[in-house]
Amino acid sequence: MNRNALTWVSFILVVIGALNWGLVGFFHYNLVTALFGTTSYISRIVYGAIGLAAVVELLAAFRAPAMT
């Protein structure tokens, strides 16, 4: 699959989000809140960016491959 810069960034953010959820699930440790605080604007921005990245990844996954 050929990825552009947007899909690479979104992929990395989704992986970071998944790893954070793994930490929460297995160890009850939220890395984002540990780094930026529970109610900080930076935490909200990080969570929002990860959510948008998931949408981009979903759209990329279901987009029909280009005919060459």
PDB file of N, CA and C in Angstrom:
ATOM      1  N   MET A   1       0.854  -1.176   0.000  1.00  0.00           N
ATOM      2  CA  MET A   1       0.000   0.000   0.000  1.00  0.00           C
ATOM      3  C   MET A   1       0.896   1.236   0.000  1.00  0.00           C
ATOM      4  N   ASN A   2       0.576   2.170  -0.842  1.00  0.00           N
ATOM      5  CA  ASN A   2       1.327   3.415  -0.943  1.00  0.00           C
ATOM      6  C   ASN A   2       0.738   4.441   0.021  1.00  0.00           C
ATOM      7  N   ARG A   3       1.556   4.934   0.948  1.00  0.00           N
ATOM      8  CA  ARG A   3       1.080   5.875   1.958  1.00  0.00           C
ATOM      9  C   ARG A   3       1.666   7.254   1.700  1.00  0.00           C
ATOM     10  N   ASN A   4       0.825   8.262   1.890  1.00  0.00           N
ATOM     11  CA  ASN A   4       1.328   9.633   1.839  1.00  0.00           C
ATOM     12  C   ASN A   4       1.640  10.090   3.269  1.00  0.00           C
ATOM     13  N   ALA A   5       2.089  11.327   3.403  1.00  0.00           N
ATOM     14  CA  ALA A   5       2.502  11.830   4.726  1.00  0.00           C
ATOM     15  C   ALA A   5       1.355  11.794   5.732  1.00  0.00           C
ATOM     16  N   LEU A   6       0.141  12.148   5.303  1.00  0.00           N
ATOM     17  CA  LEU A   6      -1.003  12.156   6.220  1.00  0.00           C
ATOM     18  C   LEU A   6      -1.289  10.761   6.758  1.00  0.00           C
ATOM     19  N   THR A   7      -1.271   9.765   5.896  1.00  0.00           N
ATOM     20  CA  THR A   7      -1.582   8.428   6.374  1.00  0.00           C
ATOM     21  C   THR A   7      -0.451   7.860   7.234  1.00  0.00           C
ATOM     22  N   TRP A   8       0.805   8.258   6.977  1.00  0.00           N
ATOM     23  CA  TRP A   8       1.897   7.829   7.857  1.00  0.00           C
ATOM     24  C   TRP A   8       1.752   8.429   9.248  1.00  0.00           C
ATOM     25  N   VAL A   9       1.461   9.727   9.309  1.00  0.00           N
ATOM     26  CA  VAL A   9       1.287  10.385  10.609  1.00  0.00           C
ATOM     27  C   VAL A   9       0.097   9.782  11.346  1.00  0.00           C
ATOM     28  N   SER A  10      -0.998   9.569  10.629  1.00  0.00           N
ATOM     29  CA  SER A  10      -2.176   8.990  11.284  1.00  0.00           C
ATOM     30  C   SER A  10      -1.891   7.577  11.763  1.00  0.00           C
ATOM     31  N   PHE A  11      -1.151   6.795  10.987  1.00  0.00           N
ATOM     32  CA  PHE A  11      -0.783   5.441  11.410  1.00  0.00           C
ATOM     33  C   PHE A  11       0.030   5.478  12.702  1.00  0.00           C
ATOM     34  N   ILE A  12       1.009   6.362  12.769  1.00  0.00           N
ATOM     35  CA  ILE A  12       1.848   6.474  13.966  1.00  0.00           C
ATOM     36  C   ILE A  12       1.011   6.893  15.171  1.00  0.00           C
ATOM     37  N   LEU A  13       0.108   7.848  14.977  1.00  0.00           N
ATOM     38  CA  LEU A  13      -0.744   8.281  16.088  1.00  0.00           C
ATOM     39  C   LEU A  13      -1.670   7.169  16.559  1.00  0.00           C
ATOM     40  N   VAL A  14      -2.193   6.391  15.634  1.00  0.00           N
ATOM     41  CA  VAL A  14      -3.065   5.276  16.025  1.00  0.00           C
ATOM     42  C   VAL A  14      -2.268   4.231  16.800  1.00  0.00           C
ATOM     43  N   VAL A  15      -1.049   3.965  16.400  1.00  0.00           N
ATOM     44  CA  VAL A  15      -0.207   3.018  17.133  1.00  0.00           C
ATOM     45  C   VAL A  15       0.080   3.546  18.538  1.00  0.00           C
ATOM     46  N   ILE A  16       0.401   4.833  18.651  1.00  0.00           N
ATOM     47  CA  ILE A  16       0.627   5.437  19.968  1.00  0.00           C
ATOM     48  C   ILE A  16      -0.621   5.311  20.832  1.00  0.00           C
ATOM     49  N   GLY A  17      -1.779   5.597  20.247  1.00  0.00           N
ATOM     50  CA  GLY A  17      -3.035   5.462  20.987  1.00  0.00           C
ATOM     51  C   GLY A  17      -3.295   4.035  21.426  1.00  0.00           C
ATOM     52  N   ALA A  18      -3.015   3.081  20.543  1.00  0.00           N
ATOM     53  CA  ALA A  18      -3.221   1.671  20.892  1.00  0.00           C
ATOM     54  C   ALA A  18      -2.270   1.237  22.000  1.00  0.00           C
ATOM     55  N   LEU A  19      -1.033   1.675  21.930  1.00  0.00           N
ATOM     56  CA  LEU A  19      -0.090   1.345  22.997  1.00  0.00           C
ATOM     57  C   LEU A  19      -0.519   1.954  24.325  1.00  0.00           C
ATOM     58  N   ASN A  20      -1.040   3.173  24.280  1.00  0.00           N
ATOM     59  CA  ASN A  20      -1.527   3.807  25.504  1.00  0.00           C
ATOM     60  C   ASN A  20      -2.697   3.015  26.090  1.00  0.00           C
ATOM     61  N   TRP A  21      -3.628   2.572  25.226  1.00  0.00           N
ATOM     62  CA  TRP A  21      -4.734   1.757  25.719  1.00  0.00           C
ATOM     63  C   TRP A  21      -4.248   0.444  26.290  1.00  0.00           C
ATOM     64  N   GLY A  22      -3.204  -0.135  25.691  1.00  0.00           N
ATOM     65  CA  GLY A  22      -2.622  -1.350  26.246  1.00  0.00           C
ATOM     66  C   GLY A  22      -2.049  -1.119  27.629  1.00  0.00           C
ATOM     67  N   LEU A  23      -1.359   0.007  27.806  1.00  0.00           N
ATOM     68  CA  LEU A  23      -0.838   0.351  29.131  1.00  0.00           C
ATOM     69  C   LEU A  23      -1.963   0.534  30.145  1.00  0.00           C
ATOM     70  N   VAL A  24      -3.043   1.174  29.717  1.00  0.00           N
ATOM     71  CA  VAL A  24      -4.190   1.371  30.608  1.00  0.00           C
ATOM     72  C   VAL A  24      -4.806   0.026  30.968  1.00  0.00           C
ATOM     73  N   GLY A  25      -4.987  -0.822  29.967  1.00  0.00           N
ATOM     74  CA  GLY A  25      -5.634  -2.111  30.213  1.00  0.00           C
ATOM     75  C   GLY A  25      -4.828  -3.062  31.064  1.00  0.00           C
ATOM     76  N   PHE A  26      -3.524  -3.139  30.821  1.00  0.00           N
ATOM     77  CA  PHE A  26      -2.696  -4.104  31.536  1.00  0.00           C
ATOM     78  C   PHE A  26      -2.116  -3.576  32.842  1.00  0.00           C
ATOM     79  N   PHE A  27      -1.798  -2.297  32.879  1.00  0.00           N
ATOM     80  CA  PHE A  27      -1.075  -1.771  34.033  1.00  0.00           C
ATOM     81  C   PHE A  27      -1.768  -0.599  34.734  1.00  0.00           C
ATOM     82  N   HIS A  28      -2.958  -0.210  34.266  1.00  0.00           N
ATOM     83  CA  HIS A  28      -3.681   0.936  34.830  1.00  0.00           C
ATOM     84  C   HIS A  28      -2.802   2.189  34.823  1.00  0.00           C
ATOM     85  N   TYR A  29      -2.041   2.363  33.744  1.00  0.00           N
ATOM     86  CA  TYR A  29      -1.137   3.501  33.613  1.00  0.00           C
ATOM     87  C   TYR A  29      -1.436   4.217  32.309  1.00  0.00           C
ATOM     88  N   ASN A  30      -1.854   5.473  32.396  1.00  0.00           N
ATOM     89  CA  ASN A  30      -2.157   6.264  31.219  1.00  0.00           C
ATOM     90  C   ASN A  30      -0.978   7.190  30.941  1.00  0.00           C
ATOM     91  N   LEU A  31      -0.236   6.881  29.898  1.00  0.00           N
ATOM     92  CA  LEU A  31       0.972   7.630  29.575  1.00  0.00           C
ATOM     93  C   LEU A  31       0.668   9.077  29.196  1.00  0.00           C
ATOM     94  N   VAL A  32      -0.418   9.307  28.474  1.00  0.00           N
ATOM     95  CA  VAL A  32      -0.758  10.675  28.058  1.00  0.00           C
ATOM     96  C   VAL A  32      -1.036  11.549  29.268  1.00  0.00           C
ATOM     97  N   THR A  33      -1.831  11.072  30.192  1.00  0.00           N
ATOM     98  CA  THR A  33      -2.110  11.886  31.375  1.00  0.00           C
ATOM     99  C   THR A  33      -0.887  11.996  32.281  1.00  0.00           C
ATOM    100  N   ALA A  34      -0.027  10.987  32.278  1.00  0.00           N
ATOM    101  CA  ALA A  34       1.200  11.071  33.068  1.00  0.00           C
ATOM    102  C   ALA A  34       2.126  12.155  32.511  1.00  0.00           C
ATOM    103  N   LEU A  35       2.158  12.285  31.193  1.00  0.00           N
ATOM    104  CA  LEU A  35       3.025  13.283  30.576  1.00  0.00           C
ATOM    105  C   LEU A  35       2.446  14.695  30.610  1.00  0.00           C
ATOM    106  N   PHE A  36       1.125  14.819  30.384  1.00  0.00           N
ATOM    107  CA  PHE A  36       0.539  16.141  30.190  1.00  0.00           C
ATOM    108  C   PHE A  36      -0.499  16.543  31.226  1.00  0.00           C
ATOM    109  N   GLY A  37      -0.899  15.652  32.107  1.00  0.00           N
ATOM    110  CA  GLY A  37      -1.911  15.956  33.115  1.00  0.00           C
ATOM    111  C   GLY A  37      -3.289  15.511  32.659  1.00  0.00           C
ATOM    112  N   THR A  38      -4.177  15.330  33.636  1.00  0.00           N
ATOM    113  CA  THR A  38      -5.498  14.768  33.318  1.00  0.00           C
ATOM    114  C   THR A  38      -6.422  15.761  32.634  1.00  0.00           C
ATOM    115  N   THR A  39      -6.321  17.028  32.965  1.00  0.00           N
ATOM    116  CA  THR A  39      -7.273  17.993  32.402  1.00  0.00           C
ATOM    117  C   THR A  39      -6.588  19.075  31.578  1.00  0.00           C
ATOM    118  N   SER A  40      -5.383  18.802  31.112  1.00  0.00           N
ATOM    119  CA  SER A  40      -4.680  19.830  30.355  1.00  0.00           C
ATOM    120  C   SER A  40      -5.194  19.889  28.924  1.00  0.00           C
ATOM    121  N   TYR A  41      -5.006  21.043  28.315  1.00  0.00           N
ATOM    122  CA  TYR A  41      -5.397  21.206  26.916  1.00  0.00           C
ATOM    123  C   TYR A  41      -4.533  20.344  26.006  1.00  0.00           C
ATOM    124  N   ILE A  42      -3.293  20.140  26.378  1.00  0.00           N
ATOM    125  CA  ILE A  42      -2.414  19.304  25.560  1.00  0.00           C
ATOM    126  C   ILE A  42      -2.925  17.864  25.528  1.00  0.00           C
ATOM    127  N   SER A  43      -3.384  17.349  26.657  1.00  0.00           N
ATOM    128  CA  SER A  43      -3.957  15.997  26.683  1.00  0.00           C
ATOM    129  C   SER A  43      -5.165  15.907  25.771  1.00  0.00           C
ATOM    130  N   ARG A  44      -6.007  16.901  25.814  1.00  0.00           N
ATOM    131  CA  ARG A  44      -7.194  16.902  24.956  1.00  0.00           C
ATOM    132  C   ARG A  44      -6.810  16.968  23.493  1.00  0.00           C
ATOM    133  N   ILE A  45      -5.771  17.731  23.179  1.00  0.00           N
ATOM    134  CA  ILE A  45      -5.307  17.820  21.795  1.00  0.00           C
ATOM    135  C   ILE A  45      -4.742  16.479  21.338  1.00  0.00           C
ATOM    136  N   VAL A  46      -3.967  15.829  22.206  1.00  0.00           N
ATOM    137  CA  VAL A  46      -3.401  14.518  21.865  1.00  0.00           C
ATOM    138  C   VAL A  46      -4.519  13.510  21.625  1.00  0.00           C
ATOM    139  N   TYR A  47      -5.484  13.450  22.524  1.00  0.00           N
ATOM    140  CA  TYR A  47      -6.597  12.519  22.341  1.00  0.00           C
ATOM    141  C   TYR A  47      -7.398  12.848  21.080  1.00  0.00           C
ATOM    142  N   GLY A  48      -7.620  14.115  20.818  1.00  0.00           N
ATOM    143  CA  GLY A  48      -8.330  14.504  19.602  1.00  0.00           C
ATOM    144  C   GLY A  48      -7.570  14.135  18.350  1.00  0.00           C
ATOM    145  N   ALA A  49      -6.251  14.350  18.348  1.00  0.00           N
ATOM    146  CA  ALA A  49      -5.436  14.000  17.186  1.00  0.00           C
ATOM    147  C   ALA A  49      -5.453  12.498  16.942  1.00  0.00           C
ATOM    148  N   ILE A  50      -5.411  11.708  18.007  1.00  0.00           N
ATOM    149  CA  ILE A  50      -5.456  10.254  17.858  1.00  0.00           C
ATOM    150  C   ILE A  50      -6.816   9.824  17.319  1.00  0.00           C
ATOM    151  N   GLY A  51      -7.876  10.452  17.772  1.00  0.00           N
ATOM    152  CA  GLY A  51      -9.211  10.141  17.253  1.00  0.00           C
ATOM    153  C   GLY A  51      -9.344  10.481  15.780  1.00  0.00           C
ATOM    154  N   LEU A  52      -8.845  11.641  15.377  1.00  0.00           N
ATOM    155  CA  LEU A  52      -8.880  12.009  13.957  1.00  0.00           C
ATOM    156  C   LEU A  52      -8.011  11.068  13.127  1.00  0.00           C
ATOM    157  N   ALA A  53      -6.884  10.665  13.682  1.00  0.00           N
ATOM    158  CA  ALA A  53      -6.012   9.733  12.978  1.00  0.00           C
ATOM    159  C   ALA A  53      -6.720   8.403  12.741  1.00  0.00           C
ATOM    160  N   ALA A  54      -7.506   7.963  13.706  1.00  0.00           N
ATOM    161  CA  ALA A  54      -8.263   6.722  13.535  1.00  0.00           C
ATOM    162  C   ALA A  54      -9.269   6.846  12.389  1.00  0.00           C
ATOM    163  N   VAL A  55      -9.897   8.005  12.267  1.00  0.00           N
ATOM    164  CA  VAL A  55     -10.842   8.233  11.164  1.00  0.00           C
ATOM    165  C   VAL A  55     -10.102   8.190   9.826  1.00  0.00           C
ATOM    166  N   VAL A  56      -8.950   8.832   9.761  1.00  0.00           N
ATOM    167  CA  VAL A  56      -8.149   8.820   8.529  1.00  0.00           C
ATOM    168  C   VAL A  56      -7.759   7.390   8.174  1.00  0.00           C
ATOM    169  N   GLU A  57      -7.343   6.621   9.161  1.00  0.00           N
ATOM    170  CA  GLU A  57      -6.962   5.230   8.913  1.00  0.00           C
ATOM    171  C   GLU A  57      -8.150   4.394   8.443  1.00  0.00           C
ATOM    172  N   LEU A  58      -9.317   4.615   9.015  1.00  0.00           N
ATOM    173  CA  LEU A  58     -10.506   3.893   8.565  1.00  0.00           C
ATOM    174  C   LEU A  58     -10.838   4.228   7.118  1.00  0.00           C
ATOM    175  N   LEU A  59     -10.774   5.508   6.784  1.00  0.00           N
ATOM    176  CA  LEU A  59     -11.047   5.914   5.405  1.00  0.00           C
ATOM    177  C   LEU A  59     -10.016   5.335   4.446  1.00  0.00           C
ATOM    178  N   ALA A  60      -8.763   5.327   4.839  1.00  0.00           N
ATOM    179  CA  ALA A  60      -7.710   4.776   3.996  1.00  0.00           C
ATOM    180  C   ALA A  60      -7.882   3.269   3.820  1.00  0.00           C
ATOM    181  N   ALA A  61      -8.338   2.594   4.846  1.00  0.00           N
ATOM    182  CA  ALA A  61      -8.510   1.133   4.781  1.00  0.00           C
ATOM    183  C   ALA A  61      -9.635   0.736   3.831  1.00  0.00           C
ATOM    184  N   PHE A  62     -10.672   1.552   3.755  1.00  0.00           N
ATOM    185  CA  PHE A  62     -11.823   1.200   2.933  1.00  0.00           C
ATOM    186  C   PHE A  62     -11.820   1.879   1.578  1.00  0.00           C
ATOM    187  N   ARG A  63     -10.830   2.718   1.325  1.00  0.00           N
ATOM    188  CA  ARG A  63     -10.746   3.360   0.015  1.00  0.00           C
ATOM    189  C   ARG A  63     -10.328   2.333  -1.007  1.00  0.00           C
ATOM    190  N   ALA A  64     -10.954   2.409  -2.182  1.00  0.00           N
ATOM    191  CA  ALA A  64     -10.625   1.469  -3.253  1.00  0.00           C
ATOM    192  C   ALA A  64      -9.215   1.753  -3.765  1.00  0.00           C
ATOM    193  N   PRO A  65      -8.431   0.711  -4.016  1.00  0.00           N
ATOM    194  CA  PRO A  65      -7.075   0.939  -4.531  1.00  0.00           C
ATOM    195  C   PRO A  65      -7.123   1.565  -5.925  1.00  0.00           C
ATOM    196  N   ALA A  66      -6.172   2.443  -6.181  1.00  0.00           N
ATOM    197  CA  ALA A  66      -6.111   3.119  -7.479  1.00  0.00           C
ATOM    198  C   ALA A  66      -5.703   2.129  -8.548  1.00  0.00           C
ATOM    199  N   MET A  67      -6.313   2.263  -9.694  1.00  0.00           N
ATOM    200  CA  MET A  67      -5.985   1.398 -10.838  1.00  0.00           C
ATOM    201  C   MET A  67      -4.750   1.954 -11.522  1.00  0.00           C
ATOM    202  N   THR A  68      -3.780   1.105 -11.764  1.00  0.00           N
ATOM    203  CA  THR A  68      -2.556   1.560 -12.422  1.00  0.00           C
ATOM    204  C   THR A  68      -2.422   0.990 -13.792  1.00  0.00           C
TER     205      THR A  68
END
